[in-house]
Amino acid sequence: MQSLPQTLEGWLAHCERLHPKNIDMGLARVGEVARRMGLAFGCPVITVAGTNGKGSTCAMLEAVALQAGYRTGVYTSPHLVHFEERCRIHGETVAAADLVAHFAAVESARTQNGDEVSLSYFEFTTLAILRLMSQSRLDVAILEVGLGGRLDATNVIDTDCAIITSVDIDHVEFLGTDRETIGREKAGIMRTGRPVVVSDPVPPQSVIDHAREIGADLWRFGQDFNFSGDKQQWAWAGRGRRYAGLAYPALRGANQLVNASGVLAAFEALRERLPITAQAVRAGLALVELPGRFQIVPGQPTLVLDVAHNPHSVAALTANLDAMGYFPTTHAVFGAMADKDLAPMLAKVGPLIDRWYFTDLPTPRAESAASLQQKWNALQMVAGGRRPVATSLHASPQKALAAAVEAADPADRIVVFGSFYTVGGVLENGVPRLQAKHLGA
């Protein structure tokens, strides 16, 4: 018999070899292994689904709960640089060595009595992290759905409060080609008699219908909770509580108030089990951090990092870039997955970009830099080539960023976006602090 891996790296390699499909929807296999493991949580569980805004929502839930004195556990995916980023216990990323025993426990349950169950990479790693979290004496567990909701591996755990952040077109090969179908998939995380917070301002009817069909306690943005604000501060009102004079969340971008509103609704819905103070809300939102979500890194030139990777999130990125003010030249480092709807993404942000640096990414799912360039050129032909935009091809996000820095003036900005792999690629050695060569350095 093969000896079991002794390191996280070894286990991840093992998981990659196990199952032919990267994504294999369905809960039968993962549910059976979870049952064999006796996987259960003794604390409230908040599950977060949505096309965009999931990571930001999880980070804000965690930050407020920490400020309220709770011991938190967060599972989120994918990671930017290191696998361990997928799990935080009490605000700290777990150590690789602490995960090893939980991978071994999943393998033991998976192969129990010679009755072997096949698990995908995502299912196996999800079970290992959930087991670690379930044994960490948590006050609250926060789970980010990987894909969809109904058939996602996180849905083997019954949620105490579901949050659906936004519903838009993405992952059409798994979830469907329209918002109603995709909404139905995301609605699968709801549970009868438990709260579901829908922070999408215009949710698909399928989400509302499913909540009513199963008797979930529906909290709708604009009806059960809402926000208002001016340039200085904002306020939130829910069913039984109001917060006034709030500082804006530390996460940047216009969409973050919608996410923050959903977070406050979730805490209000769970107030009997997880009471929080106004001070915890203020401090949590002021201190929340999440790399790669419209992250502005000061320097010369300015660097903007954003994992926007579908038309909806690229539209938000475009609005946020537009609101930043004037920069003589905007350079864009862009790499993306081949299954994304790339034309509307490029068309939306295109008017703001003066130079493109298309990059290959280290995964077979990625579009090649050359193909990205071809798609951009085709768009320019259709648009009649309104203005000349230089493009170049690069073997990695690091090399693309280096080329952009080389070409940029100190007053310019460089935007890195398109995929977790793209942003993660430039963060491999830490957050780059840019210093343009034109400063006489």
Protein backbone atom coordinates (compact mmCIF):
# COMPACT_ATOMS: atom_id res chain seq x y z
CA MET A 1 0.00 0.00 0.00
CA GLN A 2 1.15 3.47 -0.90
CA SER A 3 2.34 5.55 2.05
CA LEU A 4 0.31 8.68 2.79
CA PRO A 5 1.74 12.15 2.10
CA GLN A 6 3.37 13.90 5.07
CA THR A 7 3.13 17.49 3.81
CA LEU A 8 0.38 19.79 2.56
CA GLU A 9 2.13 19.95 -0.80
CA GLY A 10 2.08 16.15 -1.00
CA TRP A 11 -1.61 15.99 -0.15
CA LEU A 12 -2.52 18.63 -2.75
CA ALA A 13 -0.64 16.65 -5.39
CA HIS A 14 -2.54 13.53 -4.23
CA CYS A 15 -5.87 15.37 -4.58
CA GLU A 16 -5.00 16.47 -8.11
CA ARG A 17 -4.37 12.87 -9.18
CA LEU A 18 -7.53 11.39 -7.66
CA HIS A 19 -10.34 12.57 -9.86
CA PRO A 20 -10.41 13.21 -13.61
CA LYS A 21 -12.52 16.37 -13.33
CA ASN A 22 -11.47 19.64 -11.75
CA ILE A 23 -15.15 20.46 -11.11
CA ASP A 24 -17.73 17.69 -10.67
CA MET A 25 -21.07 18.99 -9.44
CA GLY A 26 -23.16 16.93 -7.01
CA LEU A 27 -23.30 16.25 -3.28
CA ALA A 28 -23.65 12.45 -3.21
CA ARG A 29 -19.93 11.63 -3.04
CA VAL A 30 -18.82 14.51 -0.82
CA GLY A 31 -21.90 14.02 1.39
CA GLU A 32 -21.09 10.33 1.90
CA VAL A 33 -17.51 11.09 2.98
CA ALA A 34 -18.72 13.91 5.29
CA ARG A 35 -21.18 11.41 6.87
CA ARG A 36 -18.39 8.87 7.41
CA MET A 37 -16.31 11.63 9.05
CA GLY A 38 -19.16 12.70 11.33
CA LEU A 39 -18.60 16.25 10.13
CA ALA A 40 -20.68 18.75 12.14
CA PHE A 41 -20.43 22.26 13.56
CA GLY A 42 -21.44 23.25 17.08
CA CYS A 43 -21.66 26.96 16.29
CA PRO A 44 -23.71 29.15 13.93
CA VAL A 45 -22.71 28.75 10.26
CA ILE A 46 -23.05 31.58 7.72
CA THR A 47 -22.80 30.45 4.09
CA VAL A 48 -22.14 33.06 1.39
CA ALA A 49 -22.99 32.51 -2.30
CA GLY A 50 -23.01 34.92 -5.23
CA THR A 51 -21.33 35.77 -8.53
CA ASN A 52 -19.31 38.66 -7.07
CA GLY A 53 -18.77 40.08 -3.60
CA LYS A 54 -18.49 36.76 -1.74
CA GLY A 55 -14.90 37.26 -0.56
CA SER A 56 -15.54 40.85 0.54
CA THR A 57 -18.69 39.78 2.40
CA CYS A 58 -16.84 36.97 4.21
CA ALA A 59 -14.01 39.35 5.16
CA MET A 60 -16.46 41.89 6.62
CA LEU A 61 -18.41 39.21 8.52
CA GLU A 62 -15.12 38.00 9.99
CA ALA A 63 -13.84 41.49 10.86
CA VAL A 64 -17.04 42.53 12.68
CA ALA A 65 -17.30 39.18 14.53
CA LEU A 66 -13.66 39.44 15.64
CA GLN A 67 -14.27 42.94 16.98
CA ALA A 68 -17.29 41.60 18.85
CA GLY A 69 -14.97 39.15 20.61
CA TYR A 70 -16.00 35.98 18.76
CA ARG A 71 -13.65 33.21 17.68
CA THR A 72 -14.11 33.05 13.92
CA GLY A 73 -13.37 30.49 11.24
CA VAL A 74 -13.46 31.38 7.54
CA TYR A 75 -13.27 29.13 4.49
CA THR A 76 -12.83 30.93 1.19
CA SER A 77 -11.59 30.01 -2.29
CA PRO A 78 -9.65 30.20 -4.50
CA HIS A 79 -6.40 31.47 -2.98
CA LEU A 80 -4.13 34.15 -4.43
CA VAL A 81 -0.65 32.80 -3.62
CA HIS A 82 -0.69 30.01 -1.00
CA PHE A 83 -3.30 27.29 -0.50
CA GLU A 84 -3.40 27.97 3.26
CA GLU A 85 -5.03 31.36 2.56
CA ARG A 86 -8.27 29.41 2.07
CA CYS A 87 -8.73 29.02 5.83
CA ARG A 88 -8.44 31.56 8.64
CA ILE A 89 -8.97 30.76 12.31
CA HIS A 90 -9.51 33.75 14.60
CA GLY A 91 -8.20 36.08 11.88
CA GLU A 92 -4.98 34.12 11.21
CA THR A 93 -4.19 32.05 8.12
CA VAL A 94 -3.78 28.38 9.12
CA ALA A 95 -0.33 26.82 8.98
CA ALA A 96 0.26 24.22 6.25
CA ALA A 97 1.39 21.67 8.86
CA ASP A 98 -1.92 22.05 10.76
CA LEU A 99 -3.90 20.88 7.72
CA VAL A 100 -2.03 17.59 7.18
CA ALA A 101 -3.88 15.51 9.80
CA HIS A 102 -7.23 16.63 8.37
CA PHE A 103 -6.28 15.57 4.84
CA ALA A 104 -5.32 12.17 6.28
CA ALA A 105 -8.72 11.95 8.02
CA VAL A 106 -10.54 12.67 4.75
CA GLU A 107 -8.50 9.99 2.97
CA SER A 108 -9.27 7.48 5.73
CA ALA A 109 -13.03 8.19 5.45
CA ARG A 110 -12.89 8.22 1.65
CA THR A 111 -11.34 4.73 1.50
CA GLN A 112 -13.14 3.27 4.55
CA ASN A 113 -13.56 -0.54 4.51
CA GLY A 114 -12.27 -0.69 0.94
CA ASP A 115 -15.40 1.18 -0.26
CA GLU A 116 -13.61 3.98 -2.07
CA VAL A 117 -15.38 7.24 -2.91
CA SER A 118 -13.96 9.46 -5.65
CA LEU A 119 -13.52 13.12 -4.66
CA SER A 120 -12.50 16.07 -6.82
CA TYR A 121 -9.64 18.34 -5.70
CA PHE A 122 -12.12 20.94 -4.48
CA GLU A 123 -14.28 18.41 -2.60
CA PHE A 124 -11.31 16.76 -0.87
CA THR A 125 -9.69 20.05 0.16
CA THR A 126 -13.05 21.48 1.29
CA LEU A 127 -13.69 18.50 3.59
CA ALA A 128 -10.18 18.80 5.09
CA ILE A 129 -10.67 22.50 5.86
CA LEU A 130 -14.21 21.98 7.20
CA ARG A 131 -12.89 19.28 9.54
CA LEU A 132 -10.17 21.59 10.84
CA MET A 133 -12.75 24.35 11.39
CA SER A 134 -15.20 22.01 13.12
CA GLN A 135 -12.52 21.11 15.68
CA SER A 136 -11.35 24.70 16.33
CA ARG A 137 -13.86 25.66 19.06
CA LEU A 138 -15.39 28.39 16.91
CA ASP A 139 -18.14 30.85 17.86
CA VAL A 140 -19.06 31.33 14.19
CA ALA A 141 -18.10 29.60 10.93
CA ILE A 142 -18.16 31.57 7.67
CA LEU A 143 -18.19 29.49 4.46
CA GLU A 144 -17.76 30.91 0.97
CA VAL A 145 -19.42 28.86 -1.76
CA GLY A 146 -16.94 27.84 -4.45
CA LEU A 147 -19.33 27.56 -7.40
CA GLY A 148 -23.11 27.98 -7.54
CA GLY A 149 -24.56 26.79 -4.24
CA ARG A 150 -26.99 23.89 -4.46
CA LEU A 151 -24.34 21.35 -5.53
CA ASP A 152 -21.25 23.02 -4.05
CA ALA A 153 -19.25 20.96 -1.54
CA THR A 154 -19.83 23.60 1.20
CA ASN A 155 -23.55 22.79 1.03
CA VAL A 156 -23.04 19.50 2.91
CA ILE A 157 -23.14 21.75 6.01
CA ASP A 158 -26.56 23.17 6.91
CA THR A 159 -26.33 26.93 7.17
CA ASP A 160 -27.86 28.98 9.98
CA CYS A 161 -27.89 32.07 7.77
CA ALA A 162 -27.43 32.16 4.00
CA ILE A 163 -26.24 35.26 2.14
CA ILE A 164 -26.62 35.68 -1.62
CA THR A 165 -24.50 38.66 -2.66
CA SER A 166 -25.16 39.04 -6.38
CA VAL A 167 -26.38 36.94 -9.27
CA ASP A 168 -24.84 37.40 -12.69
CA ILE A 169 -23.69 35.35 -15.66
CA ASP A 170 -20.58 33.27 -14.94
CA HIS A 171 -19.60 29.58 -15.09
CA VAL A 172 -22.37 29.02 -17.67
CA GLU A 173 -21.21 25.46 -18.43
CA PHE A 174 -22.07 24.44 -14.85
CA LEU A 175 -24.76 26.88 -13.69
CA GLY A 176 -26.81 27.87 -16.75
CA THR A 177 -26.90 30.69 -19.26
CA ASP A 178 -29.34 33.14 -17.64
CA ARG A 179 -29.77 34.83 -14.24
CA GLU A 180 -32.95 32.91 -13.34
CA THR A 181 -31.26 29.52 -13.76
CA ILE A 182 -28.08 30.67 -11.99
CA GLY A 183 -30.20 32.21 -9.20
CA ARG A 184 -31.90 28.85 -8.64
CA GLU A 185 -28.48 27.20 -8.16
CA LYS A 186 -27.36 29.83 -5.65
CA ALA A 187 -30.69 29.59 -3.79
CA GLY A 188 -29.82 25.97 -2.99
CA ILE A 189 -27.88 27.09 0.12
CA MET A 190 -31.12 28.28 1.79
CA ARG A 191 -32.69 26.22 4.59
CA THR A 192 -36.31 26.05 5.79
CA GLY A 193 -37.05 28.39 8.69
CA ARG A 194 -33.60 29.98 8.59
CA PRO A 195 -32.71 33.50 7.43
CA VAL A 196 -31.48 34.18 3.92
CA VAL A 197 -30.10 37.63 3.19
CA VAL A 198 -30.36 38.64 -0.48
CA SER A 199 -28.15 41.69 -0.95
CA ASP A 200 -28.49 41.75 -4.76
CA PRO A 201 -30.62 44.91 -5.29
CA VAL A 202 -32.42 43.29 -8.27
CA PRO A 203 -32.44 39.56 -7.53
CA PRO A 204 -33.75 36.98 -10.00
CA GLN A 205 -37.33 35.91 -9.27
CA SER A 206 -36.07 32.33 -8.88
CA VAL A 207 -34.21 33.32 -5.68
CA ILE A 208 -37.31 34.93 -4.14
CA ASP A 209 -39.55 32.04 -5.25
CA HIS A 210 -37.26 29.39 -3.76
CA ALA A 211 -37.11 31.20 -0.40
CA ARG A 212 -40.93 31.24 -0.30
CA GLU A 213 -41.28 27.63 -1.50
CA ILE A 214 -39.10 26.22 1.28
CA GLY A 215 -40.21 28.68 3.98
CA ALA A 216 -36.88 30.45 4.50
CA ASP A 217 -36.87 33.76 6.41
CA LEU A 218 -36.19 36.13 3.49
CA TRP A 219 -34.31 39.40 4.08
CA ARG A 220 -34.40 41.47 0.88
CA PHE A 221 -32.23 44.49 0.11
CA GLY A 222 -34.47 47.55 -0.27
CA GLN A 223 -37.32 45.93 1.71
CA ASP A 224 -36.00 44.38 4.92
CA PHE A 225 -32.79 46.40 5.06
CA ASN A 226 -31.24 49.32 3.23
CA PHE A 227 -28.51 51.94 3.40
CA SER A 228 -28.19 55.65 2.78
CA GLY A 229 -25.16 57.89 2.75
CA ASP A 230 -23.30 60.98 1.68
CA LYS A 231 -19.62 61.55 0.90
CA GLN A 232 -18.63 61.52 4.59
CA GLN A 233 -20.58 58.65 6.13
CA TRP A 234 -23.37 56.14 5.68
CA ALA A 235 -26.24 54.63 7.66
CA TRP A 236 -27.95 51.24 7.70
CA ALA A 237 -31.50 50.30 8.69
CA GLY A 238 -32.87 46.78 9.16
CA ARG A 239 -36.00 45.22 10.61
CA GLY A 240 -35.32 46.14 14.20
CA ARG A 241 -32.12 48.14 14.28
CA ARG A 242 -30.39 51.15 12.79
CA TYR A 243 -26.75 52.22 12.58
CA ALA A 244 -26.01 55.87 11.81
CA GLY A 245 -22.81 57.82 11.17
CA LEU A 246 -20.82 54.80 9.94
CA ALA A 247 -17.43 55.31 8.32
CA TYR A 248 -17.09 53.75 4.86
CA PRO A 249 -15.71 50.18 4.82
CA ALA A 250 -11.94 49.94 4.44
CA LEU A 251 -12.51 47.84 1.31
CA ARG A 252 -12.73 50.26 -1.59
CA GLY A 253 -15.31 50.46 -4.35
CA ALA A 254 -18.92 51.57 -4.72
CA ASN A 255 -20.22 47.99 -4.47
CA GLN A 256 -18.84 47.50 -0.95
CA LEU A 257 -21.76 49.31 0.72
CA VAL A 258 -24.14 46.74 -0.76
CA ASN A 259 -21.92 43.95 0.60
CA ALA A 260 -21.63 45.65 4.01
CA SER A 261 -25.42 46.05 4.15
CA GLY A 262 -25.86 42.31 3.63
CA VAL A 263 -23.35 41.64 6.41
CA LEU A 264 -25.25 43.83 8.89
CA ALA A 265 -28.53 42.14 7.88
CA ALA A 266 -26.99 38.71 8.59
CA PHE A 267 -25.86 39.78 12.06
CA GLU A 268 -29.30 41.26 12.72
CA ALA A 269 -30.95 37.99 11.61
CA LEU A 270 -28.65 36.04 13.99
CA ARG A 271 -28.74 38.59 16.83
CA GLU A 272 -30.06 36.11 19.43
CA ARG A 273 -27.11 33.77 18.85
CA LEU A 274 -24.43 36.28 17.80
CA PRO A 275 -25.18 39.68 19.35
CA ILE A 276 -22.86 42.46 18.18
CA THR A 277 -22.40 46.05 19.31
CA ALA A 278 -22.37 49.19 17.18
CA GLN A 279 -18.72 49.61 18.21
CA ALA A 280 -17.86 46.16 16.76
CA VAL A 281 -19.56 47.16 13.49
CA ARG A 282 -17.63 50.43 13.30
CA ALA A 283 -14.26 48.92 14.15
CA GLY A 284 -14.75 45.82 12.00
CA LEU A 285 -15.67 47.73 8.85
CA ALA A 286 -12.85 50.22 9.45
CA LEU A 287 -10.23 47.48 9.81
CA VAL A 288 -11.32 44.89 7.23
CA GLU A 289 -8.67 43.84 4.70
CA LEU A 290 -8.85 41.67 1.60
CA PRO A 291 -6.05 41.53 -0.97
CA GLY A 292 -6.97 41.86 -4.62
CA ARG A 293 -10.36 43.55 -4.25
CA PHE A 294 -9.85 46.98 -5.82
CA GLN A 295 -6.66 47.13 -3.78
CA ILE A 296 -4.81 50.39 -4.42
CA VAL A 297 -1.09 50.19 -3.69
CA PRO A 298 0.46 53.65 -3.35
CA GLY A 299 3.65 54.21 -5.32
CA GLN A 300 4.93 55.74 -8.51
CA PRO A 301 3.12 54.65 -10.60
CA THR A 302 -0.02 53.75 -8.61
CA LEU A 303 -0.85 50.03 -8.68
CA VAL A 304 -4.43 48.68 -8.66
CA LEU A 305 -5.05 44.96 -8.04
CA ASP A 306 -8.47 43.46 -8.69
CA VAL A 307 -9.61 39.85 -9.22
CA ALA A 308 -12.46 41.03 -11.49
CA HIS A 309 -12.95 38.11 -13.88
CA ASN A 310 -16.46 38.36 -15.35
CA PRO A 311 -18.48 41.12 -17.05
CA HIS A 312 -20.29 42.14 -13.84
CA SER A 313 -17.13 42.57 -11.75
CA VAL A 314 -15.23 44.24 -14.61
CA ALA A 315 -18.08 46.77 -14.89
CA ALA A 316 -17.62 47.53 -11.16
CA LEU A 317 -13.84 47.78 -11.62
CA THR A 318 -14.34 50.19 -14.54
CA ALA A 319 -16.62 52.44 -12.45
CA ASN A 320 -14.12 52.39 -9.57
CA LEU A 321 -11.18 53.21 -11.89
CA ASP A 322 -13.20 56.04 -13.42
CA ALA A 323 -13.80 57.50 -9.95
CA MET A 324 -10.07 57.55 -9.09
CA GLY A 325 -9.38 60.76 -10.96
CA TYR A 326 -6.95 61.62 -13.73
CA PHE A 327 -3.88 59.58 -14.69
CA PRO A 328 -1.92 60.44 -17.87
CA THR A 329 -1.68 56.77 -18.91
CA THR A 330 -3.38 53.62 -17.65
CA HIS A 331 -1.46 50.37 -18.23
CA ALA A 332 -3.38 47.08 -17.87
CA VAL A 333 -1.87 43.67 -17.05
CA PHE A 334 -4.55 41.16 -18.03
CA GLY A 335 -4.78 37.36 -17.96
CA ALA A 336 -8.00 35.36 -17.83
CA MET A 337 -9.59 31.92 -18.07
CA ALA A 338 -10.66 30.71 -21.51
CA ASP A 339 -14.24 30.01 -20.35
CA LYS A 340 -14.93 33.66 -19.50
CA ASP A 341 -17.10 36.00 -21.59
CA LEU A 342 -14.07 38.08 -22.56
CA ALA A 343 -15.48 40.40 -25.25
CA PRO A 344 -17.82 42.40 -22.95
CA MET A 345 -15.08 42.57 -20.28
CA LEU A 346 -12.56 44.05 -22.73
CA ALA A 347 -15.17 46.33 -24.29
CA LYS A 348 -16.28 47.72 -20.92
CA VAL A 349 -12.87 48.62 -19.50
CA GLY A 350 -11.25 49.27 -22.90
CA PRO A 351 -11.93 53.04 -23.09
CA LEU A 352 -9.90 53.55 -19.88
CA ILE A 353 -6.86 51.52 -20.98
CA ASP A 354 -3.96 53.09 -22.95
CA ARG A 355 -1.63 50.06 -23.04
CA TRP A 356 -2.35 46.34 -22.64
CA TYR A 357 0.10 43.74 -21.32
CA PHE A 358 -1.54 40.38 -22.03
CA THR A 359 -0.15 37.47 -20.01
CA ASP A 360 -0.15 33.70 -20.08
CA LEU A 361 -1.20 32.01 -16.82
CA PRO A 362 0.08 28.77 -15.24
CA THR A 363 -3.08 26.70 -15.74
CA PRO A 364 -4.52 24.80 -18.73
CA ARG A 365 -7.86 26.61 -18.19
CA ALA A 366 -6.29 29.97 -19.11
CA GLU A 367 -6.61 31.82 -22.40
CA SER A 368 -3.18 32.41 -23.96
CA ALA A 369 -1.78 35.93 -24.09
CA ALA A 370 -1.77 35.72 -27.91
CA SER A 371 -5.46 34.77 -27.96
CA LEU A 372 -6.34 37.65 -25.61
CA GLN A 373 -4.51 40.00 -27.97
CA GLN A 374 -6.46 38.62 -30.94
CA LYS A 375 -9.77 39.16 -29.13
CA TRP A 376 -8.80 42.73 -28.30
CA ASN A 377 -7.76 43.40 -31.90
CA ALA A 378 -11.07 41.97 -33.17
CA LEU A 379 -12.96 44.32 -30.87
CA GLN A 380 -10.93 47.25 -32.16
CA MET A 381 -11.82 46.33 -35.74
CA VAL A 382 -15.54 46.29 -34.87
CA ALA A 383 -15.22 49.62 -33.05
CA GLY A 384 -13.41 51.10 -36.02
CA GLY A 385 -10.12 51.45 -34.09
CA ARG A 386 -11.10 54.70 -32.41
CA ARG A 387 -7.63 55.29 -30.99
CA PRO A 388 -4.34 53.42 -31.21
CA VAL A 389 -3.71 51.22 -28.15
CA ALA A 390 -0.37 49.43 -27.82
CA THR A 391 -0.42 45.76 -26.79
CA SER A 392 2.31 43.27 -25.84
CA LEU A 393 2.52 39.59 -24.86
CA HIS A 394 4.16 38.18 -21.73
CA ALA A 395 4.90 34.74 -20.29
CA SER A 396 3.78 35.53 -16.72
CA PRO A 397 2.03 38.25 -14.67
CA GLN A 398 5.39 39.16 -13.06
CA LYS A 399 6.99 39.73 -16.49
CA ALA A 400 3.96 41.68 -17.71
CA LEU A 401 4.09 43.92 -14.62
CA ALA A 402 7.84 44.46 -15.07
CA ALA A 403 7.23 45.57 -18.68
CA ALA A 404 4.46 47.92 -17.55
CA VAL A 405 6.70 49.47 -14.87
CA GLU A 406 9.46 49.89 -17.46
CA ALA A 407 7.10 51.78 -19.78
CA ALA A 408 5.24 53.81 -17.15
CA ASP A 409 5.82 57.33 -15.94
CA PRO A 410 5.60 58.02 -12.17
CA ALA A 411 2.19 59.70 -12.49
CA ASP A 412 0.63 56.78 -14.41
CA ARG A 413 -1.33 53.86 -12.99
CA ILE A 414 -1.05 50.13 -13.63
CA VAL A 415 -4.13 47.92 -13.26
CA VAL A 416 -3.64 44.16 -12.77
CA PHE A 417 -6.87 42.17 -13.21
CA GLY A 418 -8.68 39.28 -14.89
CA SER A 419 -8.13 36.26 -12.65
CA PHE A 420 -6.95 35.14 -9.22
CA TYR A 421 -3.92 33.72 -11.08
CA THR A 422 -3.14 37.14 -12.58
CA VAL A 423 -3.29 39.03 -9.28
CA GLY A 424 -1.70 36.14 -7.36
CA GLY A 425 1.12 36.09 -9.90
CA VAL A 426 2.18 39.66 -9.08
CA LEU A 427 1.78 39.05 -5.32
CA GLU A 428 4.04 35.97 -5.20
CA ASN A 429 6.90 37.88 -3.57
CA GLY A 430 4.68 40.19 -1.51
CA VAL A 431 2.91 43.41 -2.45
CA PRO A 432 5.03 45.27 -5.04
CA ARG A 433 5.85 48.88 -4.18
CA LEU A 434 6.49 50.53 -7.49
CA GLN A 435 9.20 53.09 -8.09
CA ALA A 436 9.33 54.22 -11.72
CA LYS A 437 12.79 54.52 -13.25
CA HIS A 438 12.07 58.10 -14.34
CA LEU A 439 12.59 59.36 -10.80
CA GLY A 440 16.35 59.31 -11.25
CA ALA A 441 16.62 56.20 -9.06
